[in-house]
């Protein structure tokens, strides 16, 4: 990832504090963040995570990977890798790309 995660929960998680993410999500989030750190292209992530999706409409350019149920890690891709990384309950959210 080119920058620190956007969400406070993921910032703490990235720095070793797992208290702000659901305990049953820890391993999956660790796997997702590790793969995002190592990859700079969505097709690489698609090979690892079949749940990788790109939003359409106003969210075009935002990718998500399912953690569990409605929970997703969302992000955008720039030349240096993933940016604006977030961990959220995706249900009913209006996700918009930041240009």
Protein backbone atom coordinates (compact mmCIF):
# COMPACT_ATOMS: atom_id res chain seq x y z
CA UNK A 1 0.00 0.00 0.00
CA UNK A 2 1.28 3.41 -0.82
CA UNK A 3 -0.19 5.09 2.25
CA UNK A 4 -1.53 4.14 5.64
CA UNK A 5 -5.05 2.75 5.72
CA UNK A 6 -7.79 5.40 5.77
CA UNK A 7 -9.96 3.96 8.55
CA UNK A 8 -8.96 4.34 12.18
CA UNK A 9 -9.63 0.63 12.76
CA UNK A 10 -7.25 -0.40 9.99
CA UNK A 11 -4.60 2.12 11.03
CA UNK A 12 -4.58 0.55 14.48
CA UNK A 13 -4.65 -2.94 12.98
CA UNK A 14 -1.73 -2.13 10.64
CA UNK A 15 0.22 -0.99 13.70
CA UNK A 16 -0.51 -4.18 15.67
CA UNK A 17 -3.69 -3.25 17.59
CA UNK A 18 -6.50 -5.65 16.61
CA UNK A 19 -9.03 -4.24 19.10
CA UNK A 20 -11.03 -2.20 16.54
CA UNK A 21 -11.80 -5.05 14.15
CA UNK A 22 -14.07 -7.99 14.78
CA UNK A 23 -12.03 -10.89 16.21
CA UNK A 24 -13.27 -13.34 13.57
CA UNK A 25 -12.07 -10.93 10.83
CA UNK A 26 -8.44 -10.64 11.99
CA UNK A 27 -6.89 -13.37 9.81
CA UNK A 28 -8.82 -12.40 6.68
CA UNK A 29 -7.96 -8.70 7.08
CA UNK A 30 -4.31 -9.62 7.63
CA UNK A 31 -4.37 -11.68 4.41
CA UNK A 32 -6.06 -8.89 2.45
CA UNK A 33 -3.70 -6.15 3.65
CA UNK A 34 -0.64 -8.32 3.05
CA UNK A 35 -1.76 -9.09 -0.51
CA UNK A 36 -2.56 -5.42 -1.15
CA UNK A 37 0.86 -4.42 0.13
CA UNK A 38 2.54 -6.90 -2.23
CA UNK A 39 0.40 -6.10 -5.27
CA UNK A 40 -0.08 -3.00 -7.42
CA UNK A 41 -2.75 -4.29 -9.75
CA UNK A 42 -6.32 -5.51 -9.19
CA UNK A 43 -5.83 -8.56 -11.43
CA UNK A 44 -3.19 -9.81 -8.98
CA UNK A 45 -5.68 -9.48 -6.14
CA UNK A 46 -8.44 -11.15 -8.18
CA UNK A 47 -6.20 -14.21 -8.48
CA UNK A 48 -6.12 -14.44 -4.67
CA UNK A 49 -9.59 -13.14 -3.69
CA UNK A 50 -12.54 -14.24 -5.80
CA UNK A 51 -14.72 -11.70 -3.96
CA UNK A 52 -12.80 -8.72 -5.44
CA UNK A 53 -15.27 -6.37 -7.12
CA UNK A 54 -15.11 -2.92 -8.66
CA UNK A 55 -18.00 -0.58 -7.96
CA UNK A 56 -19.95 0.90 -10.84
CA UNK A 57 -21.40 4.38 -11.36
CA UNK A 58 -20.19 7.01 -8.88
CA UNK A 59 -18.12 4.33 -7.17
CA UNK A 60 -16.18 3.38 -10.30
CA UNK A 61 -12.55 2.94 -9.39
CA UNK A 62 -13.33 1.69 -5.87
CA UNK A 63 -12.57 -1.96 -5.26
CA UNK A 64 -13.82 -4.15 -2.45
CA UNK A 65 -12.83 -7.51 -1.03
CA UNK A 66 -15.27 -9.37 1.19
CA UNK A 67 -14.05 -10.06 4.71
CA UNK A 68 -17.20 -11.75 6.03
CA UNK A 69 -20.91 -11.18 5.38
CA UNK A 70 -21.42 -7.46 4.66
CA UNK A 71 -17.94 -6.48 5.87
CA UNK A 72 -15.48 -5.37 3.20
CA UNK A 73 -12.08 -3.82 2.80
CA UNK A 74 -12.48 -1.06 0.19
CA UNK A 75 -9.73 0.80 -1.65
CA UNK A 76 -8.68 2.60 -4.79
CA UNK A 77 -5.56 1.89 -6.85
CA UNK A 78 -2.91 4.40 -7.91
CA UNK A 79 0.53 3.87 -9.42
CA UNK A 80 2.05 3.15 -6.00
CA UNK A 81 -0.66 0.72 -4.94
CA UNK A 82 -3.80 0.84 -2.81
CA UNK A 83 -5.00 4.13 -1.33
CA UNK A 84 -7.99 5.19 0.77
CA UNK A 85 -8.16 1.73 2.35
CA UNK A 86 -11.23 1.29 4.55
CA UNK A 87 -12.91 -1.47 6.58
CA UNK A 88 -16.67 -1.12 6.70
CA UNK A 89 -20.06 -2.79 6.86
CA UNK A 90 -20.88 -2.42 3.17
CA UNK A 91 -24.64 -2.97 3.45
CA UNK A 92 -26.54 0.06 2.18
CA UNK A 93 -23.41 2.23 1.86
CA UNK A 94 -23.02 4.70 -0.97
CA UNK A 95 -19.39 4.23 -1.93
CA UNK A 96 -17.97 7.00 -4.13
CA UNK A 97 -14.58 7.20 -5.79
CA UNK A 98 -12.28 10.03 -4.82
CA UNK A 99 -10.80 11.54 -7.96
